[in-house]
Amino acid sequence: MVYQSIGISLAFYMIFTASYVIQLIVLFFRSNKNLNRYIYYHIYLLILLYSVGQLVQIYYYNFQEELTKLTAYQNEENKQDALKDLQEEGQLAQTIWQLYFMCTVIIIVVFKISYLYFGLHQYVKFMEIEL
């Protein structure tokens, strides 16, 4: 159960990242010079989030390797102790991943709201100049 939910979260993260990259590319080609600096901030944030996501993914796959090593144990007593440790580590990994995913979504929503405000503010300035 823990592994399925982490895998589903990773899939959503990859889809979310891909849609965000496409949106940034479209925004970059449609924007004016004032928005380019803001887009670069978005790109830096995306690189940061992607690198942290990769670290979480590496941790998750290392955890999966440890789990496969567990099946090779011959001694039942050691197997039970190792299984208990891995279950605790798996719950911790799931909690860390869920917190990271929620923080990523919150940060991007805040950036989108600020971008909407910034974009509308620039549009109002443009309309005042035209009038």
N, C-alpha and C. Protein backbone atom coordinates (compact mmCIF):
# COMPACT_ATOMS: atom_id res chain seq x y z
N MET A 1 0.82 -1.20 0.00
CA MET A 1 0.00 0.00 0.00
C MET A 1 0.86 1.26 0.00
N VAL A 2 1.90 1.25 0.83
CA VAL A 2 2.79 2.41 0.89
C VAL A 2 3.45 2.65 -0.46
N TYR A 3 3.89 1.55 -1.10
CA TYR A 3 4.64 1.67 -2.35
C TYR A 3 3.73 2.14 -3.48
N GLN A 4 2.48 1.69 -3.50
CA GLN A 4 1.57 2.10 -4.55
C GLN A 4 1.26 3.59 -4.44
N SER A 5 1.03 4.08 -3.23
CA SER A 5 0.70 5.50 -3.08
C SER A 5 1.89 6.38 -3.43
N ILE A 6 3.12 5.94 -3.09
CA ILE A 6 4.30 6.73 -3.46
C ILE A 6 4.47 6.71 -4.97
N GLY A 7 4.25 5.56 -5.61
CA GLY A 7 4.35 5.48 -7.06
C GLY A 7 3.33 6.36 -7.76
N ILE A 8 2.11 6.38 -7.25
CA ILE A 8 1.07 7.24 -7.82
C ILE A 8 1.45 8.71 -7.65
N SER A 9 1.98 9.06 -6.48
CA SER A 9 2.41 10.44 -6.25
C SER A 9 3.53 10.84 -7.20
N LEU A 10 4.47 9.92 -7.44
CA LEU A 10 5.55 10.20 -8.39
C LEU A 10 4.99 10.42 -9.80
N ALA A 11 4.01 9.63 -10.19
CA ALA A 11 3.41 9.79 -11.52
C ALA A 11 2.72 11.15 -11.63
N PHE A 12 1.96 11.54 -10.61
CA PHE A 12 1.31 12.85 -10.63
C PHE A 12 2.35 13.97 -10.67
N TYR A 13 3.45 13.79 -9.93
CA TYR A 13 4.50 14.81 -9.93
C TYR A 13 5.09 14.98 -11.32
N MET A 14 5.33 13.87 -12.02
CA MET A 14 5.91 13.96 -13.36
C MET A 14 4.93 14.62 -14.34
N ILE A 15 3.64 14.28 -14.25
CA ILE A 15 2.63 14.90 -15.12
C ILE A 15 2.52 16.39 -14.82
N PHE A 16 2.51 16.74 -13.55
CA PHE A 16 2.42 18.13 -13.11
C PHE A 16 3.62 18.92 -13.61
N THR A 17 4.81 18.33 -13.50
CA THR A 17 6.03 19.00 -13.96
C THR A 17 6.00 19.20 -15.47
N ALA A 18 5.55 18.19 -16.21
CA ALA A 18 5.50 18.30 -17.67
C ALA A 18 4.53 19.41 -18.09
N SER A 19 3.36 19.48 -17.47
CA SER A 19 2.40 20.52 -17.82
C SER A 19 2.94 21.90 -17.47
N TYR A 20 3.67 21.98 -16.37
CA TYR A 20 4.25 23.25 -15.95
C TYR A 20 5.32 23.71 -16.94
N VAL A 21 6.14 22.78 -17.42
CA VAL A 21 7.18 23.11 -18.41
C VAL A 21 6.54 23.61 -19.70
N ILE A 22 5.50 22.94 -20.16
CA ILE A 22 4.81 23.37 -21.39
C ILE A 22 4.22 24.77 -21.21
N GLN A 23 3.64 25.01 -20.05
CA GLN A 23 3.07 26.33 -19.77
C GLN A 23 4.15 27.41 -19.76
N LEU A 24 5.32 27.10 -19.19
CA LEU A 24 6.41 28.06 -19.17
C LEU A 24 6.92 28.37 -20.58
N ILE A 25 7.01 27.34 -21.42
CA ILE A 25 7.48 27.54 -22.79
C ILE A 25 6.52 28.45 -23.56
N VAL A 26 5.22 28.17 -23.43
CA VAL A 26 4.22 29.01 -24.11
C VAL A 26 4.29 30.45 -23.59
N LEU A 27 4.42 30.59 -22.27
CA LEU A 27 4.48 31.91 -21.65
C LEU A 27 5.72 32.67 -22.10
N PHE A 28 6.83 31.95 -22.25
CA PHE A 28 8.08 32.59 -22.65
C PHE A 28 7.97 33.20 -24.05
N PHE A 29 7.31 32.51 -24.96
CA PHE A 29 7.21 33.02 -26.32
C PHE A 29 6.12 34.08 -26.48
N ARG A 30 5.20 34.17 -25.52
CA ARG A 30 4.14 35.17 -25.62
C ARG A 30 4.43 36.43 -24.83
N SER A 31 5.44 36.41 -23.99
CA SER A 31 5.60 37.50 -23.02
C SER A 31 6.41 38.66 -23.59
N ASN A 32 6.33 39.77 -22.88
CA ASN A 32 7.16 40.92 -23.21
C ASN A 32 8.39 40.92 -22.30
N LYS A 33 9.23 41.95 -22.42
CA LYS A 33 10.48 41.96 -21.66
C LYS A 33 10.26 42.04 -20.16
N ASN A 34 9.20 42.70 -19.73
CA ASN A 34 8.96 42.83 -18.29
C ASN A 34 8.62 41.49 -17.65
N LEU A 35 7.99 40.62 -18.41
CA LEU A 35 7.61 39.32 -17.85
C LEU A 35 8.74 38.30 -17.94
N ASN A 36 9.76 38.55 -18.75
CA ASN A 36 10.83 37.57 -18.91
C ASN A 36 11.55 37.29 -17.59
N ARG A 37 11.79 38.34 -16.82
CA ARG A 37 12.45 38.15 -15.52
C ARG A 37 11.60 37.26 -14.62
N TYR A 38 10.31 37.49 -14.64
CA TYR A 38 9.41 36.67 -13.83
C TYR A 38 9.41 35.22 -14.30
N ILE A 39 9.49 35.01 -15.60
CA ILE A 39 9.55 33.65 -16.14
C ILE A 39 10.84 32.96 -15.71
N TYR A 40 11.94 33.70 -15.67
CA TYR A 40 13.19 33.10 -15.21
C TYR A 40 13.08 32.65 -13.75
N TYR A 41 12.37 33.43 -12.93
CA TYR A 41 12.15 32.98 -11.55
C TYR A 41 11.37 31.67 -11.53
N HIS A 42 10.39 31.58 -12.42
CA HIS A 42 9.64 30.33 -12.53
C HIS A 42 10.55 29.17 -12.91
N ILE A 43 11.45 29.42 -13.86
CA ILE A 43 12.35 28.35 -14.31
C ILE A 43 13.28 27.92 -13.19
N TYR A 44 13.81 28.89 -12.44
CA TYR A 44 14.68 28.53 -11.31
C TYR A 44 13.91 27.72 -10.27
N LEU A 45 12.67 28.12 -10.01
CA LEU A 45 11.86 27.36 -9.06
C LEU A 45 11.60 25.96 -9.57
N LEU A 46 11.32 25.84 -10.85
CA LEU A 46 11.07 24.53 -11.43
C LEU A 46 12.30 23.63 -11.34
N ILE A 47 13.48 24.18 -11.61
CA ILE A 47 14.71 23.39 -11.49
C ILE A 47 14.92 22.94 -10.06
N LEU A 48 14.67 23.83 -9.11
CA LEU A 48 14.81 23.47 -7.70
C LEU A 48 13.84 22.36 -7.31
N LEU A 49 12.58 22.52 -7.70
CA LEU A 49 11.58 21.51 -7.36
C LEU A 49 11.88 20.18 -8.03
N TYR A 50 12.35 20.23 -9.27
CA TYR A 50 12.66 18.99 -9.98
C TYR A 50 13.84 18.27 -9.34
N SER A 51 14.86 19.03 -8.93
CA SER A 51 16.02 18.38 -8.30
C SER A 51 15.65 17.76 -6.97
N VAL A 52 14.83 18.44 -6.18
CA VAL A 52 14.39 17.85 -4.91
C VAL A 52 13.52 16.63 -5.18
N GLY A 53 12.67 16.71 -6.20
CA GLY A 53 11.86 15.55 -6.57
C GLY A 53 12.71 14.36 -6.99
N GLN A 54 13.80 14.63 -7.70
CA GLN A 54 14.70 13.54 -8.09
C GLN A 54 15.37 12.92 -6.87
N LEU A 55 15.75 13.75 -5.89
CA LEU A 55 16.34 13.21 -4.67
C LEU A 55 15.35 12.32 -3.92
N VAL A 56 14.09 12.78 -3.86
CA VAL A 56 13.07 11.96 -3.21
C VAL A 56 12.88 10.65 -3.97
N GLN A 57 12.91 10.72 -5.29
CA GLN A 57 12.75 9.52 -6.11
C GLN A 57 13.92 8.56 -5.91
N ILE A 58 15.15 9.07 -5.81
CA ILE A 58 16.31 8.22 -5.55
C ILE A 58 16.17 7.54 -4.20
N TYR A 59 15.72 8.30 -3.20
CA TYR A 59 15.51 7.72 -1.87
C TYR A 59 14.46 6.61 -1.94
N TYR A 60 13.41 6.84 -2.71
CA TYR A 60 12.35 5.84 -2.84
C TYR A 60 12.87 4.57 -3.49
N TYR A 61 13.68 4.69 -4.55
CA TYR A 61 14.20 3.50 -5.21
C TYR A 61 15.24 2.77 -4.36
N ASN A 62 16.01 3.52 -3.57
CA ASN A 62 16.92 2.86 -2.63
C ASN A 62 16.13 2.07 -1.60
N PHE A 63 14.99 2.63 -1.19
CA PHE A 63 14.13 1.92 -0.26
C PHE A 63 13.59 0.64 -0.89
N GLN A 64 13.23 0.69 -2.17
CA GLN A 64 12.75 -0.50 -2.87
C GLN A 64 13.84 -1.56 -2.96
N GLU A 65 15.10 -1.15 -3.19
CA GLU A 65 16.20 -2.11 -3.24
C GLU A 65 16.39 -2.79 -1.90
N GLU A 66 16.28 -2.01 -0.82
CA GLU A 66 16.41 -2.61 0.51
C GLU A 66 15.29 -3.63 0.74
N LEU A 67 14.12 -3.33 0.22
CA LEU A 67 13.01 -4.26 0.39
C LEU A 67 13.24 -5.56 -0.37
N THR A 68 13.84 -5.48 -1.55
CA THR A 68 14.13 -6.71 -2.29
C THR A 68 15.23 -7.51 -1.62
N LYS A 69 16.18 -6.84 -0.97
CA LYS A 69 17.22 -7.56 -0.22
C LYS A 69 16.61 -8.31 0.95
N LEU A 70 15.52 -7.78 1.47
CA LEU A 70 14.88 -8.40 2.63
C LEU A 70 14.40 -9.81 2.31
N THR A 71 13.96 -10.03 1.11
CA THR A 71 13.43 -11.36 0.75
C THR A 71 14.53 -12.41 0.70
N ALA A 72 15.79 -11.98 0.60
CA ALA A 72 16.89 -12.94 0.53
C ALA A 72 17.36 -13.41 1.90
N TYR A 73 16.84 -12.84 2.96
CA TYR A 73 17.29 -13.22 4.31
C TYR A 73 16.82 -14.65 4.63
N GLN A 74 17.73 -15.43 5.23
CA GLN A 74 17.40 -16.81 5.61
C GLN A 74 16.91 -16.89 7.05
N ASN A 75 17.47 -16.08 7.90
CA ASN A 75 17.13 -16.14 9.32
C ASN A 75 15.81 -15.41 9.57
N GLU A 76 14.84 -16.11 10.12
CA GLU A 76 13.50 -15.55 10.32
C GLU A 76 13.52 -14.39 11.33
N GLU A 77 14.35 -14.49 12.34
CA GLU A 77 14.40 -13.45 13.37
C GLU A 77 14.93 -12.14 12.78
N ASN A 78 16.02 -12.23 12.03
CA ASN A 78 16.57 -11.04 11.38
C ASN A 78 15.59 -10.47 10.37
N LYS A 79 14.86 -11.37 9.71
CA LYS A 79 13.90 -10.93 8.70
C LYS A 79 12.79 -10.10 9.35
N GLN A 80 12.30 -10.53 10.49
CA GLN A 80 11.23 -9.80 11.17
C GLN A 80 11.71 -8.43 11.64
N ASP A 81 12.94 -8.38 12.20
CA ASP A 81 13.48 -7.09 12.64
C ASP A 81 13.68 -6.14 11.46
N ALA A 82 14.23 -6.67 10.38
CA ALA A 82 14.47 -5.84 9.20
C ALA A 82 13.15 -5.38 8.60
N LEU A 83 12.14 -6.26 8.60
CA LEU A 83 10.83 -5.89 8.07
C LEU A 83 10.21 -4.76 8.87
N LYS A 84 10.33 -4.84 10.19
CA LYS A 84 9.79 -3.79 11.05
C LYS A 84 10.49 -2.45 10.78
N ASP A 85 11.83 -2.49 10.65
CA ASP A 85 12.58 -1.27 10.36
C ASP A 85 12.18 -0.68 9.01
N LEU A 86 12.02 -1.55 8.01
CA LEU A 86 11.65 -1.07 6.68
C LEU A 86 10.24 -0.50 6.64
N GLN A 87 9.33 -1.08 7.41
CA GLN A 87 7.98 -0.53 7.44
C GLN A 87 7.97 0.86 8.05
N GLU A 88 8.75 1.05 9.11
CA GLU A 88 8.84 2.38 9.71
C GLU A 88 9.48 3.37 8.74
N GLU A 89 10.53 2.92 8.05
CA GLU A 89 11.19 3.79 7.07
C GLU A 89 10.26 4.10 5.90
N GLY A 90 9.45 3.13 5.51
CA GLY A 90 8.51 3.35 4.42
C GLY A 90 7.44 4.36 4.78
N GLN A 91 6.96 4.31 6.02
CA GLN A 91 5.98 5.29 6.46
C GLN A 91 6.59 6.69 6.50
N LEU A 92 7.85 6.77 6.93
CA LEU A 92 8.54 8.05 6.94
C LEU A 92 8.72 8.58 5.52
N ALA A 93 9.12 7.69 4.60
CA ALA A 93 9.31 8.11 3.20
C ALA A 93 8.00 8.59 2.60
N GLN A 94 6.91 7.91 2.91
CA GLN A 94 5.61 8.33 2.38
C GLN A 94 5.21 9.70 2.93
N THR A 95 5.43 9.91 4.22
CA THR A 95 5.09 11.19 4.83
C THR A 95 5.92 12.32 4.23
N ILE A 96 7.23 12.07 4.07
CA ILE A 96 8.10 13.09 3.48
C ILE A 96 7.66 13.42 2.06
N TRP A 97 7.33 12.38 1.29
CA TRP A 97 6.92 12.61 -0.10
C TRP A 97 5.62 13.39 -0.16
N GLN A 98 4.65 13.05 0.68
CA GLN A 98 3.37 13.76 0.66
C GLN A 98 3.54 15.22 1.07
N LEU A 99 4.37 15.47 2.08
CA LEU A 99 4.62 16.85 2.49
C LEU A 99 5.31 17.64 1.38
N TYR A 100 6.28 17.01 0.74
CA TYR A 100 6.99 17.69 -0.36
C TYR A 100 6.03 18.00 -1.50
N PHE A 101 5.19 17.03 -1.85
CA PHE A 101 4.26 17.22 -2.95
C PHE A 101 3.27 18.34 -2.63
N MET A 102 2.74 18.37 -1.41
CA MET A 102 1.80 19.42 -1.02
C MET A 102 2.48 20.79 -1.02
N CYS A 103 3.72 20.87 -0.52
CA CYS A 103 4.45 22.14 -0.52
C CYS A 103 4.70 22.62 -1.95
N THR A 104 5.04 21.68 -2.84
CA THR A 104 5.25 22.04 -4.24
C THR A 104 3.99 22.65 -4.84
N VAL A 105 2.87 22.01 -4.61
CA VAL A 105 1.60 22.51 -5.16
C VAL A 105 1.27 23.88 -4.57
N ILE A 106 1.47 24.05 -3.26
CA ILE A 106 1.16 25.33 -2.62
C ILE A 106 2.05 26.44 -3.18
N ILE A 107 3.35 26.15 -3.34
CA ILE A 107 4.27 27.16 -3.88
C ILE A 107 3.87 27.56 -5.29
N ILE A 108 3.53 26.58 -6.12
CA ILE A 108 3.18 26.89 -7.50
C ILE A 108 1.85 27.64 -7.58
N VAL A 109 0.90 27.31 -6.72
CA VAL A 109 -0.37 28.04 -6.70
C VAL A 109 -0.13 29.50 -6.29
N VAL A 110 0.74 29.72 -5.30
CA VAL A 110 1.06 31.09 -4.90
C VAL A 110 1.71 31.85 -6.05
N PHE A 111 2.62 31.18 -6.77
CA PHE A 111 3.25 31.83 -7.92
C PHE A 111 2.23 32.14 -9.00
N LYS A 112 1.29 31.24 -9.22
CA LYS A 112 0.28 31.47 -10.26
C LYS A 112 -0.62 32.65 -9.89
N ILE A 113 -1.00 32.74 -8.61
CA ILE A 113 -1.83 33.86 -8.17
C ILE A 113 -1.07 35.17 -8.32
N SER A 114 0.20 35.16 -7.93
CA SER A 114 1.00 36.38 -8.07
C SER A 114 1.21 36.73 -9.54
N TYR A 115 1.37 35.71 -10.38
CA TYR A 115 1.52 35.98 -11.82
C TYR A 115 0.23 36.58 -12.39
N LEU A 116 -0.91 36.05 -11.95
CA LEU A 116 -2.19 36.58 -12.42
C LEU A 116 -2.32 38.04 -12.02
N TYR A 117 -1.98 38.34 -10.77
CA TYR A 117 -2.04 39.73 -10.32
C TYR A 117 -1.07 40.59 -11.11
N PHE A 118 0.15 40.11 -11.31
CA PHE A 118 1.17 40.87 -12.04
C PHE A 118 0.73 41.09 -13.49
N GLY A 119 0.19 40.05 -14.11
CA GLY A 119 -0.27 40.16 -15.49
C GLY A 119 -1.41 41.15 -15.63
N LEU A 120 -2.38 41.11 -14.71
CA LEU A 120 -3.50 42.05 -14.76
C LEU A 120 -3.02 43.47 -14.49
N HIS A 121 -2.06 43.61 -13.58
CA HIS A 121 -1.53 44.94 -13.28
C HIS A 121 -0.84 45.54 -14.52
N GLN A 122 -0.07 44.71 -15.24
CA GLN A 122 0.58 45.18 -16.46
C GLN A 122 -0.45 45.52 -17.54
N TYR A 123 -1.52 44.73 -17.61
CA TYR A 123 -2.57 44.98 -18.60
C TYR A 123 -3.27 46.31 -18.32
N VAL A 124 -3.54 46.59 -17.05
CA VAL A 124 -4.19 47.85 -16.68
C VAL A 124 -3.27 49.02 -17.04
N LYS A 125 -1.98 48.89 -16.79
CA LYS A 125 -1.04 49.96 -17.16
C LYS A 125 -1.04 50.17 -18.68
N PHE A 126 -1.08 49.08 -19.42
CA PHE A 126 -1.10 49.16 -20.88
C PHE A 126 -2.36 49.87 -21.36
N MET A 127 -3.50 49.53 -20.77
CA MET A 127 -4.76 50.15 -21.17
C MET A 127 -4.78 51.63 -20.83
N GLU A 128 -4.18 52.03 -19.72
CA GLU A 128 -4.13 53.45 -19.36
C GLU A 128 -3.27 54.23 -20.36
N ILE A 129 -2.19 53.61 -20.80
CA ILE A 129 -1.33 54.28 -21.78
C ILE A 129 -2.08 54.47 -23.10
N GLU A 130 -2.84 53.44 -23.50
CA GLU A 130 -3.58 53.52 -24.76
C GLU A 130 -4.69 54.56 -24.69
N LEU A 131 -5.32 54.69 -23.52
CA LEU A 131 -6.41 55.65 -23.41
C LEU A 131 -5.86 57.06 -23.36
